[in-house]
Structure formats: C-alpha cells, structure tokens
Amino acid sequence: MIGKVVVITGATSGIGPIAAERLAAQGARIIIVARDQGRAERSAARLRTIAPKVEHRAHIANLLSLAETNQVGDRIAAEEPRIDVLINNAGNIFCNCSACI
C-alpha cells in the first residue's frame, strides 16, 4: 500500500478507524471524509502517529446531502491527482421521515 491514496468514509468510529489505521501502517495516505470536524481531526491525528511521514487529511461533509457529497468529491478531486482505493464505510439511515430528507 506504500504510496497509495485511500479515501475512506466512516473512519471516525466502528470498523472505519481500524481499517484506516491498518492501511496507514502499510504506507497508504488516508483521506478521511467525516461529518464531525473534531472526530475527523482526532482520527487524522491518530493516523499521523502511526505513519508520521505521510500526509493524512480530513474533509468534512454530511453524505446524506447530495450537494455536500458533490462538493467534497470536487475538493478531493482538485487536491488528488489519483485515488487508488475508495472505501464507502459511512453508516446510513434510510427512512422517509421529514427529518431524514
């Protein structure tokens, strides 16, 4: 995984941080997409302790919003010449209630 760029959603809890940490330990550069700035920064900081010579980043977006999903995709595409691995690990709730739409 040395030199590979990995974009991972859901890397702030559950199995996401474990996957991100294992990939970082193998030399991958991790790009986190998360809803919460604080949790994203803590996760990225943890990755920097595991692989300090690699620049890990975090982007903030609520992936329930198609507009935010498009915006974060555009930001990542502008910064990264390539993405080698995409891990769609973000949890989701599917409902028809007005709070979710």
PDB file of N, CA and C in Angstrom:
ATOM      1  N   MET A   1       0.820  -1.206   0.000  1.00  0.00           N
ATOM      2  CA  MET A   1       0.000   0.000   0.000  1.00  0.00           C
ATOM      3  C   MET A   1       0.862   1.269   0.000  1.00  0.00           C
ATOM      4  N   ILE A   2       2.163   1.103  -0.017  1.00  0.00           N
ATOM      5  CA  ILE A   2       3.054   2.263   0.023  1.00  0.00           C
ATOM      6  C   ILE A   2       2.757   3.182  -1.155  1.00  0.00           C
ATOM      7  N   GLY A   3       2.466   4.458  -0.824  1.00  0.00           N
ATOM      8  CA  GLY A   3       2.203   5.455  -1.841  1.00  0.00           C
ATOM      9  C   GLY A   3       0.788   5.475  -2.382  1.00  0.00           C
ATOM     10  N   LYS A   4      -0.061   4.567  -1.963  1.00  0.00           N
ATOM     11  CA  LYS A   4      -1.443   4.537  -2.436  1.00  0.00           C
ATOM     12  C   LYS A   4      -2.269   5.591  -1.702  1.00  0.00           C
ATOM     13  N   VAL A   5      -3.243   6.150  -2.395  1.00  0.00           N
ATOM     14  CA  VAL A   5      -4.155   7.129  -1.811  1.00  0.00           C
ATOM     15  C   VAL A   5      -5.485   6.434  -1.563  1.00  0.00           C
ATOM     16  N   VAL A   6      -5.921   6.461  -0.292  1.00  0.00           N
ATOM     17  CA  VAL A   6      -7.157   5.794   0.116  1.00  0.00           C
ATOM     18  C   VAL A   6      -8.123   6.842   0.641  1.00  0.00           C
ATOM     19  N   VAL A   7      -9.299   6.927   0.044  1.00  0.00           N
ATOM     20  CA  VAL A   7     -10.373   7.772   0.557  1.00  0.00           C
ATOM     21  C   VAL A   7     -11.322   6.863   1.315  1.00  0.00           C
ATOM     22  N   ILE A   8     -11.597   7.216   2.568  1.00  0.00           N
ATOM     23  CA  ILE A   8     -12.459   6.370   3.392  1.00  0.00           C
ATOM     24  C   ILE A   8     -13.500   7.223   4.114  1.00  0.00           C
ATOM     25  N   THR A   9     -14.747   6.811   3.982  1.00  0.00           N
ATOM     26  CA  THR A   9     -15.818   7.428   4.753  1.00  0.00           C
ATOM     27  C   THR A   9     -16.031   6.584   6.005  1.00  0.00           C
ATOM     28  N   GLY A  10     -16.566   7.193   7.039  1.00  0.00           N
ATOM     29  CA  GLY A  10     -16.848   6.443   8.258  1.00  0.00           C
ATOM     30  C   GLY A  10     -15.600   6.034   9.017  1.00  0.00           C
ATOM     31  N   ALA A  11     -14.536   6.825   8.915  1.00  0.00           N
ATOM     32  CA  ALA A  11     -13.267   6.466   9.561  1.00  0.00           C
ATOM     33  C   ALA A  11     -13.137   7.022  10.970  1.00  0.00           C
ATOM     34  N   THR A  12     -14.236   7.493  11.549  1.00  0.00           N
ATOM     35  CA  THR A  12     -14.156   8.064  12.898  1.00  0.00           C
ATOM     36  C   THR A  12     -14.737   7.159  13.968  1.00  0.00           C
ATOM     37  N   SER A  13     -15.387   6.068  13.576  1.00  0.00           N
ATOM     38  CA  SER A  13     -15.938   5.138  14.569  1.00  0.00           C
ATOM     39  C   SER A  13     -16.150   3.773  13.926  1.00  0.00           C
ATOM     40  N   GLY A  14     -16.395   2.792  14.783  1.00  0.00           N
ATOM     41  CA  GLY A  14     -16.657   1.436  14.295  1.00  0.00           C
ATOM     42  C   GLY A  14     -15.431   0.820  13.654  1.00  0.00           C
ATOM     43  N   ILE A  15     -15.634   0.112  12.546  1.00  0.00           N
ATOM     44  CA  ILE A  15     -14.510  -0.541  11.881  1.00  0.00           C
ATOM     45  C   ILE A  15     -13.696   0.424  11.030  1.00  0.00           C
ATOM     46  N   GLY A  16     -14.235   1.608  10.748  1.00  0.00           N
ATOM     47  CA  GLY A  16     -13.552   2.592   9.901  1.00  0.00           C
ATOM     48  C   GLY A  16     -12.170   2.991  10.390  1.00  0.00           C
ATOM     49  N   PRO A  17     -12.025   3.380  11.684  1.00  0.00           N
ATOM     50  CA  PRO A  17     -10.691   3.765  12.149  1.00  0.00           C
ATOM     51  C   PRO A  17      -9.695   2.608  12.103  1.00  0.00           C
ATOM     52  N   ILE A  18     -10.180   1.414  12.356  1.00  0.00           N
ATOM     53  CA  ILE A  18      -9.287   0.250  12.327  1.00  0.00           C
ATOM     54  C   ILE A  18      -8.767   0.039  10.904  1.00  0.00           C
ATOM     55  N   ALA A  19      -9.659   0.107   9.931  1.00  0.00           N
ATOM     56  CA  ALA A  19      -9.240  -0.039   8.533  1.00  0.00           C
ATOM     57  C   ALA A  19      -8.258   1.061   8.146  1.00  0.00           C
ATOM     58  N   ALA A  20      -8.573   2.301   8.516  1.00  0.00           N
ATOM     59  CA  ALA A  20      -7.699   3.428   8.181  1.00  0.00           C
ATOM     60  C   ALA A  20      -6.322   3.262   8.826  1.00  0.00           C
ATOM     61  N   GLU A  21      -6.293   2.856  10.080  1.00  0.00           N
ATOM     62  CA  GLU A  21      -5.023   2.680  10.793  1.00  0.00           C
ATOM     63  C   GLU A  21      -4.187   1.567  10.174  1.00  0.00           C
ATOM     64  N   ARG A  22      -4.822   0.468   9.827  1.00  0.00           N
ATOM     65  CA  ARG A  22      -4.081  -0.661   9.227  1.00  0.00           C
ATOM     66  C   ARG A  22      -3.514  -0.270   7.859  1.00  0.00           C
ATOM     67  N   LEU A  23      -4.304   0.452   7.084  1.00  0.00           N
ATOM     68  CA  LEU A  23      -3.825   0.880   5.763  1.00  0.00           C
ATOM     69  C   LEU A  23      -2.705   1.912   5.897  1.00  0.00           C
ATOM     70  N   ALA A  24      -2.845   2.832   6.853  1.00  0.00           N
ATOM     71  CA  ALA A  24      -1.786   3.819   7.093  1.00  0.00           C
ATOM     72  C   ALA A  24      -0.495   3.125   7.519  1.00  0.00           C
ATOM     73  N   ALA A  25      -0.614   2.117   8.360  1.00  0.00           N
ATOM     74  CA  ALA A  25       0.564   1.366   8.818  1.00  0.00           C
ATOM     75  C   ALA A  25       1.258   0.657   7.656  1.00  0.00           C
ATOM     76  N   GLN A  26       0.522   0.383   6.592  1.00  0.00           N
ATOM     77  CA  GLN A  26       1.093  -0.261   5.413  1.00  0.00           C
ATOM     78  C   GLN A  26       1.623   0.749   4.404  1.00  0.00           C
ATOM     79  N   GLY A  27       1.564   2.046   4.761  1.00  0.00           N
ATOM     80  CA  GLY A  27       2.141   3.076   3.902  1.00  0.00           C
ATOM     81  C   GLY A  27       1.169   3.860   3.055  1.00  0.00           C
ATOM     82  N   ALA A  28      -0.122   3.616   3.197  1.00  0.00           N
ATOM     83  CA  ALA A  28      -1.112   4.359   2.414  1.00  0.00           C
ATOM     84  C   ALA A  28      -1.317   5.752   2.995  1.00  0.00           C
ATOM     85  N   ARG A  29      -1.672   6.683   2.125  1.00  0.00           N
ATOM     86  CA  ARG A  29      -2.062   8.032   2.548  1.00  0.00           C
ATOM     87  C   ARG A  29      -3.578   8.034   2.635  1.00  0.00           C
ATOM     88  N   ILE A  30      -4.101   8.388   3.804  1.00  0.00           N
ATOM     89  CA  ILE A  30      -5.531   8.277   4.070  1.00  0.00           C
ATOM     90  C   ILE A  30      -6.194   9.643   3.969  1.00  0.00           C
ATOM     91  N   ILE A  31      -7.294   9.696   3.221  1.00  0.00           N
ATOM     92  CA  ILE A  31      -8.148  10.876   3.126  1.00  0.00           C
ATOM     93  C   ILE A  31      -9.471  10.487   3.777  1.00  0.00           C
ATOM     94  N   ILE A  32      -9.777  11.121   4.910  1.00  0.00           N
ATOM     95  CA  ILE A  32     -10.995  10.827   5.665  1.00  0.00           C
ATOM     96  C   ILE A  32     -12.102  11.771   5.216  1.00  0.00           C
ATOM     97  N   VAL A  33     -13.304  11.239   5.042  1.00  0.00           N
ATOM     98  CA  VAL A  33     -14.497  12.068   4.842  1.00  0.00           C
ATOM     99  C   VAL A  33     -15.411  11.788   6.026  1.00  0.00           C
ATOM    100  N   ALA A  34     -15.713  12.851   6.788  1.00  0.00           N
ATOM    101  CA  ALA A  34     -16.495  12.696   8.021  1.00  0.00           C
ATOM    102  C   ALA A  34     -17.443  13.881   8.198  1.00  0.00           C
ATOM    103  N   ARG A  35     -18.463  13.673   9.040  1.00  0.00           N
ATOM    104  CA  ARG A  35     -19.423  14.748   9.340  1.00  0.00           C
ATOM    105  C   ARG A  35     -18.927  15.690  10.416  1.00  0.00           C
ATOM    106  N   ASP A  36     -18.181  15.168  11.374  1.00  0.00           N
ATOM    107  CA  ASP A  36     -17.812  15.928  12.567  1.00  0.00           C
ATOM    108  C   ASP A  36     -16.339  16.344  12.506  1.00  0.00           C
ATOM    109  N   GLN A  37     -16.099  17.652  12.545  1.00  0.00           N
ATOM    110  CA  GLN A  37     -14.737  18.189  12.438  1.00  0.00           C
ATOM    111  C   GLN A  37     -13.821  17.652  13.534  1.00  0.00           C
ATOM    112  N   GLY A  38     -14.276  17.673  14.776  1.00  0.00           N
ATOM    113  CA  GLY A  38     -13.449  17.228  15.885  1.00  0.00           C
ATOM    114  C   GLY A  38     -13.061  15.763  15.775  1.00  0.00           C
ATOM    115  N   ARG A  39     -14.033  14.924  15.480  1.00  0.00           N
ATOM    116  CA  ARG A  39     -13.743  13.484  15.347  1.00  0.00           C
ATOM    117  C   ARG A  39     -12.835  13.223  14.152  1.00  0.00           C
ATOM    118  N   ALA A  40     -13.043  13.965  13.069  1.00  0.00           N
ATOM    119  CA  ALA A  40     -12.188  13.797  11.887  1.00  0.00           C
ATOM    120  C   ALA A  40     -10.754  14.188  12.202  1.00  0.00           C
ATOM    121  N   GLU A  41     -10.581  15.293  12.912  1.00  0.00           N
ATOM    122  CA  GLU A  41      -9.234  15.739  13.259  1.00  0.00           C
ATOM    123  C   GLU A  41      -8.550  14.756  14.200  1.00  0.00           C
ATOM    124  N   ARG A  42      -9.294  14.211  15.154  1.00  0.00           N
ATOM    125  CA  ARG A  42      -8.709  13.203  16.058  1.00  0.00           C
ATOM    126  C   ARG A  42      -8.294  11.952  15.297  1.00  0.00           C
ATOM    127  N   SER A  43      -9.120  11.536  14.355  1.00  0.00           N
ATOM    128  CA  SER A  43      -8.779  10.352  13.558  1.00  0.00           C
ATOM    129  C   SER A  43      -7.546  10.606  12.700  1.00  0.00           C
ATOM    130  N   ALA A  44      -7.484  11.777  12.066  1.00  0.00           N
ATOM    131  CA  ALA A  44      -6.319  12.112  11.240  1.00  0.00           C
ATOM    132  C   ALA A  44      -5.056  12.221  12.099  1.00  0.00           C
ATOM    133  N   ALA A  45      -5.186  12.784  13.299  1.00  0.00           N
ATOM    134  CA  ALA A  45      -4.031  12.895  14.205  1.00  0.00           C
ATOM    135  C   ALA A  45      -3.530  11.503  14.589  1.00  0.00           C
ATOM    136  N   ARG A  46      -4.447  10.589  14.835  1.00  0.00           N
ATOM    137  CA  ARG A  46      -4.054   9.212  15.167  1.00  0.00           C
ATOM    138  C   ARG A  46      -3.286   8.583  14.001  1.00  0.00           C
ATOM    139  N   LEU A  47      -3.743   8.830  12.787  1.00  0.00           N
ATOM    140  CA  LEU A  47      -3.052   8.294  11.614  1.00  0.00           C
ATOM    141  C   LEU A  47      -1.645   8.874  11.504  1.00  0.00           C
ATOM    142  N   ARG A  48      -1.497  10.144  11.869  1.00  0.00           N
ATOM    143  CA  ARG A  48      -0.176  10.776  11.803  1.00  0.00           C
ATOM    144  C   ARG A  48       0.787  10.175  12.817  1.00  0.00           C
ATOM    145  N   THR A  49       0.268   9.646  13.930  1.00  0.00           N
ATOM    146  CA  THR A  49       1.164   8.978  14.889  1.00  0.00           C
ATOM    147  C   THR A  49       1.579   7.605  14.369  1.00  0.00           C
ATOM    148  N   ILE A  50       0.707   6.980  13.595  1.00  0.00           N
ATOM    149  CA  ILE A  50       1.008   5.660  13.035  1.00  0.00           C
ATOM    150  C   ILE A  50       1.965   5.776  11.853  1.00  0.00           C
ATOM    151  N   ALA A  51       1.735   6.760  11.006  1.00  0.00           N
ATOM    152  CA  ALA A  51       2.559   6.962   9.810  1.00  0.00           C
ATOM    153  C   ALA A  51       2.894   8.449   9.692  1.00  0.00           C
ATOM    154  N   PRO A  52       3.851   8.929  10.485  1.00  0.00           N
ATOM    155  CA  PRO A  52       4.123  10.370  10.547  1.00  0.00           C
ATOM    156  C   PRO A  52       4.732  10.972   9.286  1.00  0.00           C
ATOM    157  N   LYS A  53       5.286  10.173   8.409  1.00  0.00           N
ATOM    158  CA  LYS A  53       5.911  10.710   7.201  1.00  0.00           C
ATOM    159  C   LYS A  53       4.926  10.871   6.053  1.00  0.00           C
ATOM    160  N   VAL A  54       3.685  10.491   6.293  1.00  0.00           N
ATOM    161  CA  VAL A  54       2.651  10.549   5.259  1.00  0.00           C
ATOM    162  C   VAL A  54       1.648  11.630   5.637  1.00  0.00           C
ATOM    163  N   GLU A  55       1.203  12.395   4.650  1.00  0.00           N
ATOM    164  CA  GLU A  55       0.239  13.470   4.910  1.00  0.00           C
ATOM    165  C   GLU A  55      -1.188  12.928   4.808  1.00  0.00           C
ATOM    166  N   HIS A  56      -1.798  12.693   5.961  1.00  0.00           N
ATOM    167  CA  HIS A  56      -3.185  12.247   6.014  1.00  0.00           C
ATOM    168  C   HIS A  56      -4.068  13.482   6.148  1.00  0.00           C
ATOM    169  N   ARG A  57      -5.238  13.452   5.520  1.00  0.00           N
ATOM    170  CA  ARG A  57      -6.136  14.618   5.536  1.00  0.00           C
ATOM    171  C   ARG A  57      -7.546  14.203   5.928  1.00  0.00           C
ATOM    172  N   ALA A  58      -8.301  15.223   6.339  1.00  0.00           N
ATOM    173  CA  ALA A  58      -9.717  15.011   6.644  1.00  0.00           C
ATOM    174  C   ALA A  58     -10.534  16.072   5.919  1.00  0.00           C
ATOM    175  N   HIS A  59     -11.644  15.655   5.362  1.00  0.00           N
ATOM    176  CA  HIS A  59     -12.616  16.547   4.729  1.00  0.00           C
ATOM    177  C   HIS A  59     -13.940  16.377   5.458  1.00  0.00           C
ATOM    178  N   ILE A  60     -14.647  17.464   5.619  1.00  0.00           N
ATOM    179  CA  ILE A  60     -15.920  17.447   6.328  1.00  0.00           C
ATOM    180  C   ILE A  60     -17.069  17.536   5.330  1.00  0.00           C
ATOM    181  N   ALA A  61     -17.996  16.595   5.455  1.00  0.00           N
ATOM    182  CA  ALA A  61     -19.194  16.601   4.614  1.00  0.00           C
ATOM    183  C   ALA A  61     -20.234  15.681   5.233  1.00  0.00           C
ATOM    184  N   ASN A  62     -21.481  16.083   5.134  1.00  0.00           N
ATOM    185  CA  ASN A  62     -22.591  15.227   5.521  1.00  0.00           C
ATOM    186  C   ASN A  62     -23.036  14.491   4.260  1.00  0.00           C
ATOM    187  N   LEU A  63     -22.736  13.210   4.184  1.00  0.00           N
ATOM    188  CA  LEU A  63     -23.008  12.456   2.968  1.00  0.00           C
ATOM    189  C   LEU A  63     -24.488  12.155   2.764  1.00  0.00           C
ATOM    190  N   LEU A  64     -25.341  12.544   3.714  1.00  0.00           N
ATOM    191  CA  LEU A  64     -26.783  12.477   3.477  1.00  0.00           C
ATOM    192  C   LEU A  64     -27.226  13.579   2.521  1.00  0.00           C
ATOM    193  N   SER A  65     -26.388  14.598   2.367  1.00  0.00           N
ATOM    194  CA  SER A  65     -26.683  15.706   1.457  1.00  0.00           C
ATOM    195  C   SER A  65     -25.956  15.473   0.137  1.00  0.00           C
ATOM    196  N   LEU A  66     -26.714  15.361  -0.951  1.00  0.00           N
ATOM    197  CA  LEU A  66     -26.107  15.161  -2.261  1.00  0.00           C
ATOM    198  C   LEU A  66     -25.216  16.345  -2.630  1.00  0.00           C
ATOM    199  N   ALA A  67     -25.630  17.555  -2.264  1.00  0.00           N
ATOM    200  CA  ALA A  67     -24.818  18.740  -2.556  1.00  0.00           C
ATOM    201  C   ALA A  67     -23.464  18.672  -1.836  1.00  0.00           C
ATOM    202  N   GLU A  68     -23.474  18.298  -0.551  1.00  0.00           N
ATOM    203  CA  GLU A  68     -22.216  18.186   0.197  1.00  0.00           C
ATOM    204  C   GLU A  68     -21.358  17.045  -0.334  1.00  0.00           C
ATOM    205  N   THR A  69     -21.999  15.962  -0.736  1.00  0.00           N
ATOM    206  CA  THR A  69     -21.264  14.837  -1.313  1.00  0.00           C
ATOM    207  C   THR A  69     -20.553  15.282  -2.583  1.00  0.00           C
ATOM    208  N   ASN A  70     -21.249  16.005  -3.441  1.00  0.00           N
ATOM    209  CA  ASN A  70     -20.633  16.518  -4.672  1.00  0.00           C
ATOM    210  C   ASN A  70     -19.509  17.494  -4.363  1.00  0.00           C
ATOM    211  N   GLN A  71     -19.723  18.370  -3.378  1.00  0.00           N
ATOM    212  CA  GLN A  71     -18.705  19.367  -3.028  1.00  0.00           C
ATOM    213  C   GLN A  71     -17.437  18.705  -2.495  1.00  0.00           C
ATOM    214  N   VAL A  72     -17.588  17.734  -1.603  1.00  0.00           N
ATOM    215  CA  VAL A  72     -16.396  17.078  -1.059  1.00  0.00           C
ATOM    216  C   VAL A  72     -15.691  16.277  -2.153  1.00  0.00           C
ATOM    217  N   GLY A  73     -16.460  15.679  -3.039  1.00  0.00           N
ATOM    218  CA  GLY A  73     -15.844  14.974  -4.166  1.00  0.00           C
ATOM    219  C   GLY A  73     -15.038  15.916  -5.042  1.00  0.00           C
ATOM    220  N   ASP A  74     -15.581  17.096  -5.301  1.00  0.00           N
ATOM    221  CA  ASP A  74     -14.864  18.098  -6.102  1.00  0.00           C
ATOM    222  C   ASP A  74     -13.592  18.558  -5.397  1.00  0.00           C
ATOM    223  N   ARG A  75     -13.666  18.774  -4.066  1.00  0.00           N
ATOM    224  CA  ARG A  75     -12.477  19.215  -3.310  1.00  0.00           C
ATOM    225  C   ARG A  75     -11.386  18.146  -3.349  1.00  0.00           C
ATOM    226  N   ILE A  76     -11.774  16.901  -3.143  1.00  0.00           N
ATOM    227  CA  ILE A  76     -10.783  15.819  -3.165  1.00  0.00           C
ATOM    228  C   ILE A  76     -10.189  15.690  -4.568  1.00  0.00           C
ATOM    229  N   ALA A  77     -11.018  15.747  -5.590  1.00  0.00           N
ATOM    230  CA  ALA A  77     -10.531  15.631  -6.975  1.00  0.00           C
ATOM    231  C   ALA A  77      -9.567  16.762  -7.323  1.00  0.00           C
ATOM    232  N   ALA A  78      -9.813  17.953  -6.778  1.00  0.00           N
ATOM    233  CA  ALA A  78      -8.926  19.088  -7.043  1.00  0.00           C
ATOM    234  C   ALA A  78      -7.565  18.922  -6.365  1.00  0.00           C
ATOM    235  N   GLU A  79      -7.541  18.210  -5.236  1.00  0.00           N
ATOM    236  CA  GLU A  79      -6.302  18.045  -4.466  1.00  0.00           C
ATOM    237  C   GLU A  79      -5.519  16.793  -4.833  1.00  0.00           C
ATOM    238  N   GLU A  80      -6.190  15.783  -5.320  1.00  0.00           N
ATOM    239  CA  GLU A  80      -5.557  14.482  -5.543  1.00  0.00           C
ATOM    240  C   GLU A  80      -5.473  14.163  -7.036  1.00  0.00           C
ATOM    241  N   PRO A  81      -4.280  13.888  -7.537  1.00  0.00           N
ATOM    242  CA  PRO A  81      -4.178  13.514  -8.947  1.00  0.00           C
ATOM    243  C   PRO A  81      -4.781  12.137  -9.238  1.00  0.00           C
ATOM    244  N   ARG A  82      -4.887  11.310  -8.180  1.00  0.00           N
ATOM    245  CA  ARG A  82      -5.486   9.987  -8.352  1.00  0.00           C
ATOM    246  C   ARG A  82      -5.988   9.486  -6.999  1.00  0.00           C
ATOM    247  N   ILE A  83      -6.922   8.561  -7.047  1.00  0.00           N
ATOM    248  CA  ILE A  83      -7.392   7.831  -5.868  1.00  0.00           C
ATOM    249  C   ILE A  83      -7.236   6.357  -6.206  1.00  0.00           C
ATOM    250  N   ASP A  84      -6.510   5.654  -5.353  1.00  0.00           N
ATOM    251  CA  ASP A  84      -6.259   4.238  -5.619  1.00  0.00           C
ATOM    252  C   ASP A  84      -7.321   3.332  -5.009  1.00  0.00           C
ATOM    253  N   VAL A  85      -7.832   3.725  -3.839  1.00  0.00           N
ATOM    254  CA  VAL A  85      -8.811   2.899  -3.138  1.00  0.00           C
ATOM    255  C   VAL A  85      -9.890   3.817  -2.583  1.00  0.00           C
ATOM    256  N   LEU A  86     -11.148   3.421  -2.751  1.00  0.00           N
ATOM    257  CA  LEU A  86     -12.282   4.135  -2.164  1.00  0.00           C
ATOM    258  C   LEU A  86     -13.026   3.155  -1.273  1.00  0.00           C
ATOM    259  N   ILE A  87     -13.131   3.504   0.019  1.00  0.00           N
ATOM    260  CA  ILE A  87     -13.855   2.657   0.968  1.00  0.00           C
ATOM    261  C   ILE A  87     -15.082   3.428   1.432  1.00  0.00           C
ATOM    262  N   ASN A  88     -16.241   2.996   0.978  1.00  0.00           N
ATOM    263  CA  ASN A  88     -17.503   3.612   1.374  1.00  0.00           C
ATOM    264  C   ASN A  88     -17.995   2.896   2.628  1.00  0.00           C
ATOM    265  N   ASN A  89     -17.611   3.428   3.775  1.00  0.00           N
ATOM    266  CA  ASN A  89     -17.878   2.771   5.045  1.00  0.00           C
ATOM    267  C   ASN A  89     -18.842   3.574   5.923  1.00  0.00           C
ATOM    268  N   ALA A  90     -19.321   4.707   5.440  1.00  0.00           N
ATOM    269  CA  ALA A  90     -20.194   5.551   6.257  1.00  0.00           C
ATOM    270  C   ALA A  90     -21.520   4.844   6.508  1.00  0.00           C
ATOM    271  N   GLY A  91     -21.971   4.933   7.743  1.00  0.00           N
ATOM    272  CA  GLY A  91     -23.279   4.383   8.081  1.00  0.00           C
ATOM    273  C   GLY A  91     -24.370   5.234   7.458  1.00  0.00           C
ATOM    274  N   ASN A  92     -25.535   4.665   7.322  1.00  0.00           N
ATOM    275  CA  ASN A  92     -26.627   5.408   6.715  1.00  0.00           C
ATOM    276  C   ASN A  92     -27.944   4.945   7.315  1.00  0.00           C
ATOM    277  N   ILE A  93     -28.882   5.852   7.333  1.00  0.00           N
ATOM    278  CA  ILE A  93     -30.234   5.559   7.776  1.00  0.00           C
ATOM    279  C   ILE A  93     -31.160   5.878   6.617  1.00  0.00           C
ATOM    280  N   PHE A  94     -31.963   4.920   6.232  1.00  0.00           N
ATOM    281  CA  PHE A  94     -32.896   5.131   5.149  1.00  0.00           C
ATOM    282  C   PHE A  94     -34.318   5.181   5.723  1.00  0.00           C
ATOM    283  N   CYS A  95     -34.930   6.329   5.584  1.00  0.00           N
ATOM    284  CA  CYS A  95     -36.308   6.473   6.024  1.00  0.00           C
ATOM    285  C   CYS A  95     -36.987   7.539   5.184  1.00  0.00           C
ATOM    286  N   ASN A  96     -38.261   7.658   5.309  1.00  0.00           N
ATOM    287  CA  ASN A  96     -38.999   8.641   4.549  1.00  0.00           C
ATOM    288  C   ASN A  96     -39.492   9.807   5.399  1.00  0.00           C
ATOM    289  N   CYS A  97     -39.011   9.881   6.635  1.00  0.00           N
ATOM    290  CA  CYS A  97     -39.490  10.950   7.510  1.00  0.00           C
ATOM    291  C   CYS A  97     -38.874  12.293   7.117  1.00  0.00           C
ATOM    292  N   SER A  98     -39.506  13.366   7.472  1.00  0.00           N
ATOM    293  CA  SER A  98     -39.045  14.697   7.072  1.00  0.00           C
ATOM    294  C   SER A  98     -37.680  15.045   7.660  1.00  0.00           C
ATOM    295  N   ALA A  99     -37.302  14.448   8.793  1.00  0.00           N
ATOM    296  CA  ALA A  99     -36.004  14.733   9.395  1.00  0.00           C
ATOM    297  C   ALA A  99     -34.845  14.186   8.561  1.00  0.00           C
ATOM    298  N   CYS A 100     -35.095  13.132   7.796  1.00  0.00           N
ATOM    299  CA  CYS A 100     -34.039  12.499   7.014  1.00  0.00           C
ATOM    300  C   CYS A 100     -33.944  13.032   5.594  1.00  0.00           C
ATOM    301  N   ILE A 101     -34.942  13.698   5.142  1.00  0.00           N
ATOM    302  CA  ILE A 101     -34.968  14.157   3.740  1.00  0.00           C
ATOM    303  C   ILE A 101     -34.354  15.527   3.625  1.00  0.00           C
TER     304      ILE A 101
END
